[in-house]
Each structure stands twice: as structure tokens, then as C-alpha cells.
Amino acid sequence: MTIRLCVRELAEAQGLNISRFQREAKIPMSTARRLWYSTSDGKEKGPPLKLVNLEVIEQLSKFFDVAPGALLELERQ
């Protein structure tokens, strides 16, 4: 089991694609890709993202207007 960010699902539920998410969240595209795919290299099938700064979690929870825990999902492999 791994924990992953579910940024893509939250963004798509608000009608955002990755480009619009990046612009509206005011983050670099490289960061947006890592968050969107929850991978350390920003590629769709890349290695899982292992470290996320708490400031980023706080920024995302404010952006999506959700509790920080709503950004996380337990993924069974």
C-alpha cells in the first residue's frame, strides 16, 4: 500500500486540466506535473512521490478548499 496525492481528481472535479490547475494555483509546471501524477519525476508512470512539503499541502488544501487529509488517498497495489 502507498499513500498518494489525489490532486488530479480534485482538479478535474472542478473542471481544471493540468495547465489551468498550474496557472490558477500559481505553481511551476514541473511542480504541477509531480502533484498531478503524484510521481517524483512528474511523469504519468513515474516513481511514486515520497516527499511533499507541508507548505505545499497547506497551499493545496486552501486552493481546493478541503482539509489536508482530503488530498491523500491510500492506494492498494
C-alpha atoms as a PDB file:
ATOM      1  CA  MET A   1       0.000   0.000   0.000  1.00  0.00           C
ATOM      2  CA  THR A   2       1.126   3.519  -0.733  1.00  0.00           C
ATOM      3  CA  ILE A   3      -0.246   6.955   0.019  1.00  0.00           C
ATOM      4  CA  ARG A   4      -0.647   9.237  -2.956  1.00  0.00           C
ATOM      5  CA  LEU A   5      -1.926  12.731  -3.615  1.00  0.00           C
ATOM      6  CA  CYS A   6      -5.274  12.920  -5.378  1.00  0.00           C
ATOM      7  CA  VAL A   7      -4.715  16.392  -6.842  1.00  0.00           C
ATOM      8  CA  ARG A   8      -5.757  15.325 -10.330  1.00  0.00           C
ATOM      9  CA  GLU A   9      -9.126  14.031  -9.144  1.00  0.00           C
ATOM     10  CA  LEU A  10      -9.840  17.182  -7.138  1.00  0.00           C
ATOM     11  CA  ALA A  11      -8.807  19.430 -10.028  1.00  0.00           C
ATOM     12  CA  GLU A  12     -10.847  17.526 -12.607  1.00  0.00           C
ATOM     13  CA  ALA A  13     -13.886  17.645 -10.310  1.00  0.00           C
ATOM     14  CA  GLN A  14     -13.569  21.441 -10.552  1.00  0.00           C
ATOM     15  CA  GLY A  15     -13.223  21.301 -14.338  1.00  0.00           C
ATOM     16  CA  LEU A  16      -9.486  22.010 -14.355  1.00  0.00           C
ATOM     17  CA  ASN A  17      -6.938  20.408 -16.642  1.00  0.00           C
ATOM     18  CA  ILE A  18      -3.264  20.360 -15.668  1.00  0.00           C
ATOM     19  CA  SER A  19      -2.449  23.640 -17.439  1.00  0.00           C
ATOM     20  CA  ARG A  20      -5.291  25.533 -15.835  1.00  0.00           C
ATOM     21  CA  PHE A  21      -4.501  23.995 -12.437  1.00  0.00           C
ATOM     22  CA  GLN A  22      -0.895  25.144 -12.786  1.00  0.00           C
ATOM     23  CA  ARG A  23      -1.890  28.694 -13.725  1.00  0.00           C
ATOM     24  CA  GLU A  24      -4.608  29.105 -11.108  1.00  0.00           C
ATOM     25  CA  ALA A  25      -2.575  27.512  -8.294  1.00  0.00           C
ATOM     26  CA  LYS A  26       0.386  29.724  -9.342  1.00  0.00           C
ATOM     27  CA  ILE A  27       2.940  26.931  -9.229  1.00  0.00           C
ATOM     28  CA  PRO A  28       5.674  25.919 -11.687  1.00  0.00           C
ATOM     29  CA  MET A  29       4.615  23.388 -14.335  1.00  0.00           C
ATOM     30  CA  SER A  30       7.220  20.890 -13.093  1.00  0.00           C
ATOM     31  CA  THR A  31       5.630  21.005  -9.625  1.00  0.00           C
ATOM     32  CA  ALA A  32       2.134  20.794 -11.088  1.00  0.00           C
ATOM     33  CA  ARG A  33       3.105  17.652 -13.019  1.00  0.00           C
ATOM     34  CA  ARG A  34       4.562  15.969  -9.910  1.00  0.00           C
ATOM     35  CA  LEU A  35       1.437  16.795  -7.918  1.00  0.00           C
ATOM     36  CA  TRP A  36      -0.958  15.904 -10.765  1.00  0.00           C
ATOM     37  CA  TYR A  37       0.564  12.467 -11.334  1.00  0.00           C
ATOM     38  CA  SER A  38       1.753  12.004  -7.718  1.00  0.00           C
ATOM     39  CA  THR A  39       5.150  10.967  -9.069  1.00  0.00           C
ATOM     40  CA  SER A  40       8.607  12.204  -8.164  1.00  0.00           C
ATOM     41  CA  ASP A  41       9.582  12.827 -11.804  1.00  0.00           C
ATOM     42  CA  GLY A  42       6.276  14.317 -12.986  1.00  0.00           C
ATOM     43  CA  LYS A  43       5.650  11.521 -15.478  1.00  0.00           C
ATOM     44  CA  GLU A  44       2.380   9.612 -15.511  1.00  0.00           C
ATOM     45  CA  LYS A  45       4.032   6.236 -14.864  1.00  0.00           C
ATOM     46  CA  GLY A  46       6.989   7.547 -12.861  1.00  0.00           C
ATOM     47  CA  PRO A  47       8.154   6.526  -9.405  1.00  0.00           C
ATOM     48  CA  PRO A  48       5.761   7.413  -6.574  1.00  0.00           C
ATOM     49  CA  LEU A  49       6.051  10.802  -4.939  1.00  0.00           C
ATOM     50  CA  LYS A  50       7.530  10.194  -1.479  1.00  0.00           C
ATOM     51  CA  LEU A  51       8.069  13.664  -0.021  1.00  0.00           C
ATOM     52  CA  VAL A  52       5.772  16.666  -0.040  1.00  0.00           C
ATOM     53  CA  ASN A  53       6.459  19.833   1.894  1.00  0.00           C
ATOM     54  CA  LEU A  54       3.746  20.668   4.434  1.00  0.00           C
ATOM     55  CA  GLU A  55       3.588  24.177   2.995  1.00  0.00           C
ATOM     56  CA  VAL A  56       2.578  22.636  -0.340  1.00  0.00           C
ATOM     57  CA  ILE A  57      -0.118  20.550   1.388  1.00  0.00           C
ATOM     58  CA  GLU A  58      -1.386  23.712   3.093  1.00  0.00           C
ATOM     59  CA  GLN A  59      -1.362  25.664  -0.192  1.00  0.00           C
ATOM     60  CA  LEU A  60      -3.241  22.881  -1.995  1.00  0.00           C
ATOM     61  CA  SER A  61      -5.824  22.480   0.757  1.00  0.00           C
ATOM     62  CA  LYS A  62      -6.533  26.220   0.594  1.00  0.00           C
ATOM     63  CA  PHE A  63      -6.638  26.157  -3.212  1.00  0.00           C
ATOM     64  CA  PHE A  64      -9.136  23.275  -3.286  1.00  0.00           C
ATOM     65  CA  ASP A  65     -10.883  24.425  -0.080  1.00  0.00           C
ATOM     66  CA  VAL A  66     -10.557  20.977   1.511  1.00  0.00           C
ATOM     67  CA  ALA A  67      -8.999  19.571   4.668  1.00  0.00           C
ATOM     68  CA  PRO A  68      -5.388  18.439   4.167  1.00  0.00           C
ATOM     69  CA  GLY A  69      -6.409  14.800   4.590  1.00  0.00           C
ATOM     70  CA  ALA A  70      -8.712  15.096   1.566  1.00  0.00           C
ATOM     71  CA  LEU A  71      -5.585  15.456  -0.605  1.00  0.00           C
ATOM     72  CA  LEU A  72      -4.376  11.980   0.319  1.00  0.00           C
ATOM     73  CA  GLU A  73      -5.533   8.570  -0.847  1.00  0.00           C
ATOM     74  CA  LEU A  74      -4.449   5.106   0.225  1.00  0.00           C
ATOM     75  CA  GLU A  75      -3.644   3.116  -2.894  1.00  0.00           C
ATOM     76  CA  ARG A  76      -3.560  -0.654  -2.711  1.00  0.00           C
ATOM     77  CA  GLN A  77      -1.182  -2.338  -5.107  1.00  0.00           C
END
